[in-house]
Amino acid sequence: MPEILFDEIPSLDLNDFSSGTVEQKQEFVKRLGEAYNNIGFVSIKNHGLSDELVSQLYASVEAFFKLPDEIKKKYEKAELFGQRGYISKGKEKAKGRNTGDLKEFYHIGQSDDNRLSDYPPNIWPDEIEDFRAATSKAYSTLQAAGIQMLRAIALYLELPENYFDDKVSKGNSILRPIHYFPIENPEEIPDDAVRAAEHGDINLITLLMGASADGLQVLRKDGKWIPITALPDQIVVNVGDMLERLTNHKLKSTIHRVVNPPKEMMNTSRFSIPFFLHPISEMDLTCLESCIDENHPKDFDDILAGDFLYQRLQEIGLKN
C-alpha cells in the first residue's frame, strides 16, 4: 500500500459499516484499513452517543473535578494501582519520562453484571448525583461502537468478522474522564511538564469524544505534529499498542500528545473523556501469522494482554 501523508485524519460514517450496503461496508473497511495502516486515527460519526448524554456526562464530570482535593482523594485507592476510581494530579507519566502529566482523572470499568472476577468493582462518588448514570451509559455506548470498529478491523485483516467479539465483550475496558487542571503559576511547574506527554495508548483501540478545548496532536510519519479535531457529532478512534503488536506494525499505534495552551490560557481547564477498549486478560497478543513475511519479520515477543497491561502500568507510574 502506498504511503499517504494525511493533513487531517479521515472521517468515516459507522452506519456505512453497521447498516449500509455491501459496497458501503467494503468501502468503510478499505478506508479504515488505509487510515490505520498510515496514521492510526480516524473520526467517526453515528457512534451512538446522543447530544443529551454527552452534555449530561460532561456536566457530571466537571462537577466531580470541581470538588475539593480532600474529597476527591476519598475515591483514590492505592491498592488498585489506578484501575478504578480517582487518580490524583501528576500521578501518571508517559513511558520513558520522569515528570508527571498535568492532569487528574477517574477510571470506570465494566458494570457489575458484566465484570469478570479478576476486575475490581467500580467506585462511585457520593457527591455527584448523575455521575454513575452518565458514565455507565457512555461506557456501554462506546463499547458497542468499539465492537463495530473491531469487526471492520477484523475484515481488513482477513479474519472472521466476529474475531474480537469474545475477547472484548467482557474485556477490562476503561472510561477515563480527564481534567487537565488550570495552572495559576506556570513558572512554578517543571520546564518539561505538559498536559499529556507524547505516548501510544496501551489498549486495542481508543474512542474519544470531543474535548472541551484544543490541544490533541498526532505525530505523522514524516515527523510533523498535526492537530486532531473532530466535528461535534464525531468521535476520534485510534489504534493502541495491543493492536499494533497483534498486527506486527501493520496497524499503527501512532504517538500523540496533549500540548499546553498558550501561557495566557494556562489558568483554564480542559476536559476529555477517552474510552480505552481492552480485551480480557487471557487474549493472546502473539503476532498474527498473516502479518508476518520476509519484508515484515516478527517484531514482538509473545505475551498475553493482561501481562502486557501489567508491564505498561509499571512503566507509566501507576503500578510500583
C-alpha atoms as a PDB file:
ATOM      1  CA  MET A   1       0.000   0.000   0.000  1.00  0.00           C
ATOM      2  CA  PRO A   2       1.498   3.417  -0.936  1.00  0.00           C
ATOM      3  CA  GLU A   3       2.351   5.750   1.945  1.00  0.00           C
ATOM      4  CA  ILE A   4      -0.123   8.579   2.452  1.00  0.00           C
ATOM      5  CA  LEU A   5       0.648  11.706   4.490  1.00  0.00           C
ATOM      6  CA  PHE A   6      -2.655  12.969   5.857  1.00  0.00           C
ATOM      7  CA  ASP A   7      -3.029  16.661   6.693  1.00  0.00           C
ATOM      8  CA  GLU A   8      -6.091  15.774   8.739  1.00  0.00           C
ATOM      9  CA  ILE A   9      -7.498  12.477   9.896  1.00  0.00           C
ATOM     10  CA  PRO A  10     -10.047  10.762   7.622  1.00  0.00           C
ATOM     11  CA  SER A  11     -13.740  10.921   8.536  1.00  0.00           C
ATOM     12  CA  LEU A  12     -15.994   7.854   8.224  1.00  0.00           C
ATOM     13  CA  ASP A  13     -19.659   7.013   8.915  1.00  0.00           C
ATOM     14  CA  LEU A  14     -20.080   3.945  11.147  1.00  0.00           C
ATOM     15  CA  ASN A  15     -23.569   3.419   9.702  1.00  0.00           C
ATOM     16  CA  ASP A  16     -21.911   2.535   6.381  1.00  0.00           C
ATOM     17  CA  PHE A  17     -20.426  -0.488   8.122  1.00  0.00           C
ATOM     18  CA  SER A  18     -23.183  -1.472  10.547  1.00  0.00           C
ATOM     19  CA  SER A  19     -26.237  -0.979   8.299  1.00  0.00           C
ATOM     20  CA  GLY A  20     -25.007   0.019   4.836  1.00  0.00           C
ATOM     21  CA  THR A  21     -24.982  -1.868   1.557  1.00  0.00           C
ATOM     22  CA  VAL A  22     -22.358  -4.498   0.822  1.00  0.00           C
ATOM     23  CA  GLU A  23     -20.467  -1.902  -1.213  1.00  0.00           C
ATOM     24  CA  GLN A  24     -20.633   0.715   1.575  1.00  0.00           C
ATOM     25  CA  LYS A  25     -19.399  -1.818   4.104  1.00  0.00           C
ATOM     26  CA  GLN A  26     -16.486  -2.831   1.887  1.00  0.00           C
ATOM     27  CA  GLU A  27     -15.554   0.797   1.271  1.00  0.00           C
ATOM     28  CA  PHE A  28     -15.641   1.530   5.009  1.00  0.00           C
ATOM     29  CA  VAL A  29     -13.301  -1.397   5.705  1.00  0.00           C
ATOM     30  CA  LYS A  30     -10.940  -0.305   2.924  1.00  0.00           C
ATOM     31  CA  ARG A  31     -10.744   3.319   4.051  1.00  0.00           C
ATOM     32  CA  LEU A  32     -10.418   2.372   7.713  1.00  0.00           C
ATOM     33  CA  GLY A  33      -7.568  -0.014   6.963  1.00  0.00           C
ATOM     34  CA  GLU A  34      -5.828   2.595   4.802  1.00  0.00           C
ATOM     35  CA  ALA A  35      -6.012   5.145   7.618  1.00  0.00           C
ATOM     36  CA  TYR A  36      -4.900   2.718  10.334  1.00  0.00           C
ATOM     37  CA  ASN A  37      -2.053   1.476   8.152  1.00  0.00           C
ATOM     38  CA  ASN A  38      -0.777   5.034   7.778  1.00  0.00           C
ATOM     39  CA  ILE A  39      -1.733   7.402  10.591  1.00  0.00           C
ATOM     40  CA  GLY A  40      -3.611   5.238  13.081  1.00  0.00           C
ATOM     41  CA  PHE A  41      -6.516   7.691  13.588  1.00  0.00           C
ATOM     42  CA  VAL A  42      -9.979   8.254  12.099  1.00  0.00           C
ATOM     43  CA  SER A  43     -13.008  10.307  13.096  1.00  0.00           C
ATOM     44  CA  ILE A  44     -16.363   8.532  13.180  1.00  0.00           C
ATOM     45  CA  LYS A  45     -19.951   9.750  13.079  1.00  0.00           C
ATOM     46  CA  ASN A  46     -23.117   7.817  14.006  1.00  0.00           C
ATOM     47  CA  HIS A  47     -21.354   6.291  17.003  1.00  0.00           C
ATOM     48  CA  GLY A  48     -24.426   6.152  19.256  1.00  0.00           C
ATOM     49  CA  LEU A  49     -23.709   8.974  21.717  1.00  0.00           C
ATOM     50  CA  SER A  50     -26.573  11.469  21.891  1.00  0.00           C
ATOM     51  CA  ASP A  51     -26.059  15.194  22.467  1.00  0.00           C
ATOM     52  CA  GLU A  52     -28.127  14.883  25.643  1.00  0.00           C
ATOM     53  CA  LEU A  53     -25.899  12.119  27.027  1.00  0.00           C
ATOM     54  CA  VAL A  54     -22.696  13.973  26.180  1.00  0.00           C
ATOM     55  CA  SER A  55     -23.993  17.135  27.898  1.00  0.00           C
ATOM     56  CA  GLN A  56     -25.032  15.189  30.997  1.00  0.00           C
ATOM     57  CA  LEU A  57     -21.702  13.363  31.019  1.00  0.00           C
ATOM     58  CA  TYR A  58     -19.539  16.482  30.831  1.00  0.00           C
ATOM     59  CA  ALA A  59     -21.665  18.287  33.429  1.00  0.00           C
ATOM     60  CA  SER A  60     -21.282  15.474  35.954  1.00  0.00           C
ATOM     61  CA  VAL A  61     -17.567  15.035  35.225  1.00  0.00           C
ATOM     62  CA  GLU A  62     -16.839  18.746  35.604  1.00  0.00           C
ATOM     63  CA  ALA A  63     -18.833  18.808  38.847  1.00  0.00           C
ATOM     64  CA  PHE A  64     -16.712  15.986  40.258  1.00  0.00           C
ATOM     65  CA  PHE A  65     -13.392  17.597  39.397  1.00  0.00           C
ATOM     66  CA  LYS A  66     -14.524  20.889  40.955  1.00  0.00           C
ATOM     67  CA  LEU A  67     -14.769  19.148  44.327  1.00  0.00           C
ATOM     68  CA  PRO A  68     -12.009  19.914  46.875  1.00  0.00           C
ATOM     69  CA  ASP A  69      -8.954  17.661  46.575  1.00  0.00           C
ATOM     70  CA  GLU A  70      -9.547  16.125  50.010  1.00  0.00           C
ATOM     71  CA  ILE A  71     -12.985  14.904  48.881  1.00  0.00           C
ATOM     72  CA  LYS A  72     -11.755  13.571  45.534  1.00  0.00           C
ATOM     73  CA  LYS A  73      -8.976  11.661  47.279  1.00  0.00           C
ATOM     74  CA  LYS A  74     -11.573   9.634  49.192  1.00  0.00           C
ATOM     75  CA  TYR A  75     -12.019   7.787  45.904  1.00  0.00           C
ATOM     76  CA  GLU A  76      -8.308   7.138  45.269  1.00  0.00           C
ATOM     77  CA  LYS A  77      -7.368   3.570  46.220  1.00  0.00           C
ATOM     78  CA  ALA A  78      -3.615   2.915  46.065  1.00  0.00           C
ATOM     79  CA  GLU A  79      -4.109  -0.850  46.203  1.00  0.00           C
ATOM     80  CA  LEU A  80      -5.960  -0.741  42.850  1.00  0.00           C
ATOM     81  CA  PHE A  81      -2.993   0.866  41.026  1.00  0.00           C
ATOM     82  CA  GLY A  82      -5.272   3.419  39.379  1.00  0.00           C
ATOM     83  CA  GLN A  83      -7.524   0.807  37.769  1.00  0.00           C
ATOM     84  CA  ARG A  84     -10.708   2.203  39.335  1.00  0.00           C
ATOM     85  CA  GLY A  85     -11.705   5.466  40.947  1.00  0.00           C
ATOM     86  CA  TYR A  86      -9.774   8.721  41.207  1.00  0.00           C
ATOM     87  CA  ILE A  87      -6.118   9.241  40.208  1.00  0.00           C
ATOM     88  CA  SER A  88      -4.692  12.472  41.569  1.00  0.00           C
ATOM     89  CA  LYS A  89      -2.697  15.219  39.911  1.00  0.00           C
ATOM     90  CA  GLY A  90       0.664  14.333  38.404  1.00  0.00           C
ATOM     91  CA  LYS A  91       0.479  10.599  39.228  1.00  0.00           C
ATOM     92  CA  GLU A  92       0.664   9.345  35.636  1.00  0.00           C
ATOM     93  CA  LYS A  93       3.650   9.945  33.397  1.00  0.00           C
ATOM     94  CA  ALA A  94       4.315   8.926  29.808  1.00  0.00           C
ATOM     95  CA  LYS A  95       6.528   5.889  29.221  1.00  0.00           C
ATOM     96  CA  GLY A  96      10.187   6.931  29.419  1.00  0.00           C
ATOM     97  CA  ARG A  97       9.528  10.196  31.287  1.00  0.00           C
ATOM     98  CA  ASN A  98      10.053  11.177  34.919  1.00  0.00           C
ATOM     99  CA  THR A  99       7.765  14.225  35.034  1.00  0.00           C
ATOM    100  CA  GLY A 100       4.086  13.577  35.700  1.00  0.00           C
ATOM    101  CA  ASP A 101       1.424  14.857  33.311  1.00  0.00           C
ATOM    102  CA  LEU A 102      -0.592  17.954  34.246  1.00  0.00           C
ATOM    103  CA  LYS A 103      -3.858  16.103  34.736  1.00  0.00           C
ATOM    104  CA  GLU A 104      -6.093  14.221  37.137  1.00  0.00           C
ATOM    105  CA  PHE A 105      -8.594  11.572  36.079  1.00  0.00           C
ATOM    106  CA  TYR A 106     -11.142   8.935  37.063  1.00  0.00           C
ATOM    107  CA  HIS A 107     -11.466   5.316  35.939  1.00  0.00           C
ATOM    108  CA  ILE A 108     -14.743   3.452  35.342  1.00  0.00           C
ATOM    109  CA  GLY A 109     -14.729  -0.219  34.334  1.00  0.00           C
ATOM    110  CA  GLN A 110     -17.244  -2.904  33.428  1.00  0.00           C
ATOM    111  CA  SER A 111     -20.594  -2.950  35.227  1.00  0.00           C
ATOM    112  CA  ASP A 112     -21.125  -5.497  37.999  1.00  0.00           C
ATOM    113  CA  ASP A 113     -23.271  -7.717  35.756  1.00  0.00           C
ATOM    114  CA  ASN A 114     -20.529  -7.841  33.102  1.00  0.00           C
ATOM    115  CA  ARG A 115     -17.500  -7.845  35.399  1.00  0.00           C
ATOM    116  CA  LEU A 116     -15.127 -10.807  35.491  1.00  0.00           C
ATOM    117  CA  SER A 117     -13.843 -11.879  38.902  1.00  0.00           C
ATOM    118  CA  ASP A 118     -10.326 -10.526  38.362  1.00  0.00           C
ATOM    119  CA  TYR A 119     -11.548  -6.964  37.679  1.00  0.00           C
ATOM    120  CA  PRO A 120     -12.013  -4.623  40.642  1.00  0.00           C
ATOM    121  CA  PRO A 121     -15.511  -3.194  41.229  1.00  0.00           C
ATOM    122  CA  ASN A 122     -16.271   0.384  40.281  1.00  0.00           C
ATOM    123  CA  ILE A 123     -16.015   3.205  42.798  1.00  0.00           C
ATOM    124  CA  TRP A 124     -18.755   5.836  42.669  1.00  0.00           C
ATOM    125  CA  PRO A 125     -18.588   9.345  44.160  1.00  0.00           C
ATOM    126  CA  ASP A 126     -21.476  10.076  46.535  1.00  0.00           C
ATOM    127  CA  GLU A 127     -21.392  13.828  45.924  1.00  0.00           C
ATOM    128  CA  ILE A 128     -22.378  13.917  42.212  1.00  0.00           C
ATOM    129  CA  GLU A 129     -25.863  12.557  41.599  1.00  0.00           C
ATOM    130  CA  ASP A 130     -25.657  11.922  37.820  1.00  0.00           C
ATOM    131  CA  PHE A 131     -22.041  10.707  37.672  1.00  0.00           C
ATOM    132  CA  ARG A 132     -22.762   6.966  37.821  1.00  0.00           C
ATOM    133  CA  ALA A 133     -25.686   7.016  35.380  1.00  0.00           C
ATOM    134  CA  ALA A 134     -23.966   9.225  32.802  1.00  0.00           C
ATOM    135  CA  THR A 135     -20.597   7.451  32.829  1.00  0.00           C
ATOM    136  CA  SER A 136     -22.204   3.988  32.795  1.00  0.00           C
ATOM    137  CA  LYS A 137     -24.366   4.871  29.777  1.00  0.00           C
ATOM    138  CA  ALA A 138     -21.386   6.356  27.938  1.00  0.00           C
ATOM    139  CA  TYR A 139     -19.346   3.242  28.743  1.00  0.00           C
ATOM    140  CA  SER A 140     -21.899   0.833  27.252  1.00  0.00           C
ATOM    141  CA  THR A 141     -22.486   3.051  24.198  1.00  0.00           C
ATOM    142  CA  LEU A 142     -18.799   3.410  23.387  1.00  0.00           C
ATOM    143  CA  GLN A 143     -18.162  -0.292  23.962  1.00  0.00           C
ATOM    144  CA  ALA A 144     -20.861  -1.129  21.404  1.00  0.00           C
ATOM    145  CA  ALA A 145     -19.339   1.287  18.884  1.00  0.00           C
ATOM    146  CA  GLY A 146     -15.895  -0.118  19.586  1.00  0.00           C
ATOM    147  CA  ILE A 147     -17.033  -3.662  18.868  1.00  0.00           C
ATOM    148  CA  GLN A 148     -18.352  -2.497  15.478  1.00  0.00           C
ATOM    149  CA  MET A 149     -14.988  -0.852  14.752  1.00  0.00           C
ATOM    150  CA  LEU A 150     -13.136  -4.047  15.679  1.00  0.00           C
ATOM    151  CA  ARG A 151     -15.397  -6.052  13.360  1.00  0.00           C
ATOM    152  CA  ALA A 152     -14.354  -3.771  10.493  1.00  0.00           C
ATOM    153  CA  ILE A 153     -10.711  -4.132  11.531  1.00  0.00           C
ATOM    154  CA  ALA A 154     -11.079  -7.921  11.564  1.00  0.00           C
ATOM    155  CA  LEU A 155     -12.370  -7.909   7.995  1.00  0.00           C
ATOM    156  CA  TYR A 156      -9.493  -5.663   6.911  1.00  0.00           C
ATOM    157  CA  LEU A 157      -7.098  -8.198   8.445  1.00  0.00           C
ATOM    158  CA  GLU A 158      -8.956 -11.005   6.593  1.00  0.00           C
ATOM    159  CA  LEU A 159     -10.113 -12.529   9.873  1.00  0.00           C
ATOM    160  CA  PRO A 160     -13.657 -13.666  10.708  1.00  0.00           C
ATOM    161  CA  GLU A 161     -15.806 -10.586  11.306  1.00  0.00           C
ATOM    162  CA  ASN A 162     -16.519 -11.591  14.930  1.00  0.00           C
ATOM    163  CA  TYR A 163     -12.873 -12.433  15.711  1.00  0.00           C
ATOM    164  CA  PHE A 164     -12.621  -9.861  18.504  1.00  0.00           C
ATOM    165  CA  ASP A 165     -16.149 -10.193  19.941  1.00  0.00           C
ATOM    166  CA  ASP A 166     -15.499 -12.773  22.672  1.00  0.00           C
ATOM    167  CA  LYS A 167     -12.193 -11.104  23.519  1.00  0.00           C
ATOM    168  CA  VAL A 168     -13.673  -7.668  24.289  1.00  0.00           C
ATOM    169  CA  SER A 169     -17.341  -8.072  25.259  1.00  0.00           C
ATOM    170  CA  LYS A 170     -16.229  -8.687  28.866  1.00  0.00           C
ATOM    171  CA  GLY A 171     -12.834  -7.032  28.454  1.00  0.00           C
ATOM    172  CA  ASN A 172     -11.112  -4.830  31.011  1.00  0.00           C
ATOM    173  CA  SER A 173     -12.072  -1.619  29.177  1.00  0.00           C
ATOM    174  CA  ILE A 174     -11.825   1.759  30.900  1.00  0.00           C
ATOM    175  CA  LEU A 175     -13.756   5.014  30.576  1.00  0.00           C
ATOM    176  CA  ARG A 176     -11.434   7.804  31.687  1.00  0.00           C
ATOM    177  CA  PRO A 177     -12.803  11.294  32.368  1.00  0.00           C
ATOM    178  CA  ILE A 178      -9.744  13.581  32.436  1.00  0.00           C
ATOM    179  CA  HIS A 179      -9.318  17.056  33.901  1.00  0.00           C
ATOM    180  CA  TYR A 180      -6.305  18.982  32.633  1.00  0.00           C
ATOM    181  CA  PHE A 181      -6.338  21.356  35.562  1.00  0.00           C
ATOM    182  CA  PRO A 182      -5.584  25.106  35.483  1.00  0.00           C
ATOM    183  CA  ILE A 183      -2.025  26.236  36.197  1.00  0.00           C
ATOM    184  CA  GLU A 184      -2.198  29.518  38.090  1.00  0.00           C
ATOM    185  CA  ASN A 185       1.591  29.969  38.247  1.00  0.00           C
ATOM    186  CA  PRO A 186       3.193  28.407  35.127  1.00  0.00           C
ATOM    187  CA  GLU A 187       6.672  29.458  36.266  1.00  0.00           C
ATOM    188  CA  GLU A 188       6.387  27.050  39.224  1.00  0.00           C
ATOM    189  CA  ILE A 189       5.913  23.857  37.192  1.00  0.00           C
ATOM    190  CA  PRO A 190       8.836  21.836  35.715  1.00  0.00           C
ATOM    191  CA  ASP A 191      10.011  23.068  32.322  1.00  0.00           C
ATOM    192  CA  ASP A 192       9.131  19.746  30.682  1.00  0.00           C
ATOM    193  CA  ALA A 193       5.684  19.406  32.299  1.00  0.00           C
ATOM    194  CA  VAL A 194       2.848  19.078  29.777  1.00  0.00           C
ATOM    195  CA  ARG A 195      -0.812  18.109  29.881  1.00  0.00           C
ATOM    196  CA  ALA A 196      -0.076  14.723  28.297  1.00  0.00           C
ATOM    197  CA  ALA A 197       3.401  13.904  27.024  1.00  0.00           C
ATOM    198  CA  GLU A 198       3.823  12.032  23.752  1.00  0.00           C
ATOM    199  CA  HIS A 199       2.663   8.421  24.085  1.00  0.00           C
ATOM    200  CA  GLY A 200       0.897   5.500  22.478  1.00  0.00           C
ATOM    201  CA  ASP A 201      -2.210   4.027  24.097  1.00  0.00           C
ATOM    202  CA  ILE A 202      -1.903   0.616  25.768  1.00  0.00           C
ATOM    203  CA  ASN A 203      -5.145  -0.988  24.578  1.00  0.00           C
ATOM    204  CA  LEU A 204      -6.634  -2.294  21.301  1.00  0.00           C
ATOM    205  CA  ILE A 205      -8.440   0.895  20.211  1.00  0.00           C
ATOM    206  CA  THR A 206      -9.387   4.182  21.899  1.00  0.00           C
ATOM    207  CA  LEU A 207     -12.658   6.033  21.301  1.00  0.00           C
ATOM    208  CA  LEU A 208     -12.526   9.727  22.205  1.00  0.00           C
ATOM    209  CA  MET A 209     -15.411  12.160  22.193  1.00  0.00           C
ATOM    210  CA  GLY A 210     -14.735  15.845  21.534  1.00  0.00           C
ATOM    211  CA  ALA A 211     -12.690  17.565  24.242  1.00  0.00           C
ATOM    212  CA  SER A 212     -13.649  20.884  25.794  1.00  0.00           C
ATOM    213  CA  ALA A 213     -10.607  22.624  24.282  1.00  0.00           C
ATOM    214  CA  ASP A 214      -7.942  22.160  21.596  1.00  0.00           C
ATOM    215  CA  GLY A 215      -4.585  20.554  22.283  1.00  0.00           C
ATOM    216  CA  LEU A 216      -4.563  16.981  20.925  1.00  0.00           C
ATOM    217  CA  GLN A 217      -1.854  16.371  18.307  1.00  0.00           C
ATOM    218  CA  VAL A 218      -0.678  13.268  16.444  1.00  0.00           C
ATOM    219  CA  LEU A 219       2.825  12.579  15.104  1.00  0.00           C
ATOM    220  CA  ARG A 220       2.745  11.916  11.365  1.00  0.00           C
ATOM    221  CA  LYS A 221       5.179   9.519   9.653  1.00  0.00           C
ATOM    222  CA  ASP A 222       7.331  12.390   8.394  1.00  0.00           C
ATOM    223  CA  GLY A 223       7.816  13.724  11.933  1.00  0.00           C
ATOM    224  CA  LYS A 224       5.272  16.545  11.702  1.00  0.00           C
ATOM    225  CA  TRP A 225       2.781  17.053  14.537  1.00  0.00           C
ATOM    226  CA  ILE A 226      -0.728  17.718  13.228  1.00  0.00           C
ATOM    227  CA  PRO A 227      -3.760  18.794  15.298  1.00  0.00           C
ATOM    228  CA  ILE A 228      -6.577  16.312  15.798  1.00  0.00           C
ATOM    229  CA  THR A 229     -10.030  17.813  15.603  1.00  0.00           C
ATOM    230  CA  ALA A 230     -13.411  16.220  15.058  1.00  0.00           C
ATOM    231  CA  LEU A 231     -16.761  17.794  14.309  1.00  0.00           C
ATOM    232  CA  PRO A 232     -19.209  17.994  17.228  1.00  0.00           C
ATOM    233  CA  ASP A 233     -21.090  14.889  16.026  1.00  0.00           C
ATOM    234  CA  GLN A 234     -17.930  12.793  15.666  1.00  0.00           C
ATOM    235  CA  ILE A 235     -15.586  10.813  17.881  1.00  0.00           C
ATOM    236  CA  VAL A 236     -11.928  10.049  17.219  1.00  0.00           C
ATOM    237  CA  VAL A 237     -10.901   6.369  17.151  1.00  0.00           C
ATOM    238  CA  ASN A 238      -7.234   5.367  17.186  1.00  0.00           C
ATOM    239  CA  VAL A 239      -5.137   2.207  17.250  1.00  0.00           C
ATOM    240  CA  GLY A 240      -3.496   1.203  20.532  1.00  0.00           C
ATOM    241  CA  ASP A 241      -0.277  -0.677  21.244  1.00  0.00           C
ATOM    242  CA  MET A 242      -2.016  -4.040  21.723  1.00  0.00           C
ATOM    243  CA  LEU A 243      -3.481  -3.931  18.220  1.00  0.00           C
ATOM    244  CA  GLU A 244      -0.185  -2.772  16.715  1.00  0.00           C
ATOM    245  CA  ARG A 245       1.515  -5.670  18.480  1.00  0.00           C
ATOM    246  CA  LEU A 246      -1.084  -8.204  17.301  1.00  0.00           C
ATOM    247  CA  THR A 247      -0.712  -6.993  13.696  1.00  0.00           C
ATOM    248  CA  ASN A 248       3.106  -6.730  13.777  1.00  0.00           C
ATOM    249  CA  HIS A 249       3.000  -2.970  12.950  1.00  0.00           C
ATOM    250  CA  LYS A 250       0.509  -3.391  10.083  1.00  0.00           C
ATOM    251  CA  LEU A 251      -1.882  -1.142  12.035  1.00  0.00           C
ATOM    252  CA  LYS A 252      -0.141   1.825  13.607  1.00  0.00           C
ATOM    253  CA  SER A 253      -0.365   2.910  17.219  1.00  0.00           C
ATOM    254  CA  THR A 254       0.601   6.481  16.447  1.00  0.00           C
ATOM    255  CA  ILE A 255       2.305   8.664  19.028  1.00  0.00           C
ATOM    256  CA  HIS A 256       0.100  11.536  20.212  1.00  0.00           C
ATOM    257  CA  ARG A 257       0.110  14.207  22.916  1.00  0.00           C
ATOM    258  CA  VAL A 258      -1.895  16.997  24.517  1.00  0.00           C
ATOM    259  CA  VAL A 259       0.095  20.214  24.421  1.00  0.00           C
ATOM    260  CA  ASN A 260      -0.111  23.049  26.905  1.00  0.00           C
ATOM    261  CA  PRO A 261      -2.247  26.034  25.901  1.00  0.00           C
ATOM    262  CA  PRO A 262      -0.706  29.487  25.376  1.00  0.00           C
ATOM    263  CA  LYS A 263       0.635  30.981  28.600  1.00  0.00           C
ATOM    264  CA  GLU A 264      -2.333  33.326  28.920  1.00  0.00           C
ATOM    265  CA  MET A 265      -4.663  30.286  28.821  1.00  0.00           C
ATOM    266  CA  MET A 266      -2.779  28.108  31.315  1.00  0.00           C
ATOM    267  CA  ASN A 267      -5.222  29.041  34.067  1.00  0.00           C
ATOM    268  CA  THR A 268      -8.123  27.368  32.233  1.00  0.00           C
ATOM    269  CA  SER A 269      -9.351  23.769  32.423  1.00  0.00           C
ATOM    270  CA  ARG A 270      -9.559  21.204  29.646  1.00  0.00           C
ATOM    271  CA  PHE A 271     -11.814  18.138  29.921  1.00  0.00           C
ATOM    272  CA  SER A 272     -11.537  14.973  27.833  1.00  0.00           C
ATOM    273  CA  ILE A 273     -13.231  11.550  28.089  1.00  0.00           C
ATOM    274  CA  PRO A 274     -11.496   8.686  26.244  1.00  0.00           C
ATOM    275  CA  PHE A 275     -12.751   5.092  26.266  1.00  0.00           C
ATOM    276  CA  PHE A 276      -9.909   2.573  26.212  1.00  0.00           C
ATOM    277  CA  LEU A 277     -11.157  -0.700  24.701  1.00  0.00           C
ATOM    278  CA  HIS A 278      -9.246  -3.535  26.351  1.00  0.00           C
ATOM    279  CA  PRO A 279      -9.600  -7.287  25.798  1.00  0.00           C
ATOM    280  CA  ILE A 280      -9.841  -9.930  28.504  1.00  0.00           C
ATOM    281  CA  SER A 281      -6.519 -10.630  30.217  1.00  0.00           C
ATOM    282  CA  GLU A 282      -6.226 -14.036  28.519  1.00  0.00           C
ATOM    283  CA  MET A 283      -6.201 -12.661  24.965  1.00  0.00           C
ATOM    284  CA  ASP A 284      -3.064 -13.806  23.149  1.00  0.00           C
ATOM    285  CA  LEU A 285      -1.265 -10.851  21.550  1.00  0.00           C
ATOM    286  CA  THR A 286       1.108 -13.078  19.570  1.00  0.00           C
ATOM    287  CA  CYS A 287       1.594 -11.523  16.118  1.00  0.00           C
ATOM    288  CA  LEU A 288      -0.866 -12.834  13.540  1.00  0.00           C
ATOM    289  CA  GLU A 289       0.814 -15.151  11.048  1.00  0.00           C
ATOM    290  CA  SER A 290      -0.833 -13.236   8.211  1.00  0.00           C
ATOM    291  CA  CYS A 291       1.067 -10.098   9.282  1.00  0.00           C
ATOM    292  CA  ILE A 292       4.499 -11.750   9.141  1.00  0.00           C
ATOM    293  CA  ASP A 293       6.543 -12.202   5.944  1.00  0.00           C
ATOM    294  CA  GLU A 294      10.053 -11.687   4.561  1.00  0.00           C
ATOM    295  CA  ASN A 295       9.620  -7.927   4.451  1.00  0.00           C
ATOM    296  CA  HIS A 296       7.881  -7.793   7.835  1.00  0.00           C
ATOM    297  CA  PRO A 297       9.618 -10.237  10.198  1.00  0.00           C
ATOM    298  CA  LYS A 298       8.025 -10.818  13.593  1.00  0.00           C
ATOM    299  CA  ASP A 299       8.962  -7.849  15.775  1.00  0.00           C
ATOM    300  CA  PHE A 300       7.309  -8.663  19.132  1.00  0.00           C
ATOM    301  CA  ASP A 301       7.665 -11.365  21.757  1.00  0.00           C
ATOM    302  CA  ASP A 302       4.583 -13.444  22.566  1.00  0.00           C
ATOM    303  CA  ILE A 303       2.571 -12.091  25.508  1.00  0.00           C
ATOM    304  CA  LEU A 304      -0.952 -12.155  26.965  1.00  0.00           C
ATOM    305  CA  ALA A 305      -2.942  -8.930  27.182  1.00  0.00           C
ATOM    306  CA  GLY A 306      -3.070  -8.984  30.986  1.00  0.00           C
ATOM    307  CA  ASP A 307       0.706  -9.327  31.289  1.00  0.00           C
ATOM    308  CA  PHE A 308       1.246  -6.546  28.762  1.00  0.00           C
ATOM    309  CA  LEU A 309      -1.108  -4.244  30.686  1.00  0.00           C
ATOM    310  CA  TYR A 310       0.728  -5.017  33.940  1.00  0.00           C
ATOM    311  CA  GLN A 311       4.059  -4.070  32.342  1.00  0.00           C
ATOM    312  CA  ARG A 312       2.734  -0.804  30.964  1.00  0.00           C
ATOM    313  CA  LEU A 313       1.105   0.218  34.249  1.00  0.00           C
ATOM    314  CA  GLN A 314       4.553  -0.066  35.803  1.00  0.00           C
ATOM    315  CA  GLU A 315       6.126   1.987  33.011  1.00  0.00           C
ATOM    316  CA  ILE A 316       3.664   4.879  33.353  1.00  0.00           C
ATOM    317  CA  GLY A 317       3.926   5.078  37.133  1.00  0.00           C
ATOM    318  CA  LEU A 318       0.549   3.659  38.206  1.00  0.00           C
ATOM    319  CA  LYS A 319       1.987   0.370  39.495  1.00  0.00           C
ATOM    320  CA  ASN A 320       5.187   0.015  41.510  1.00  0.00           C
END
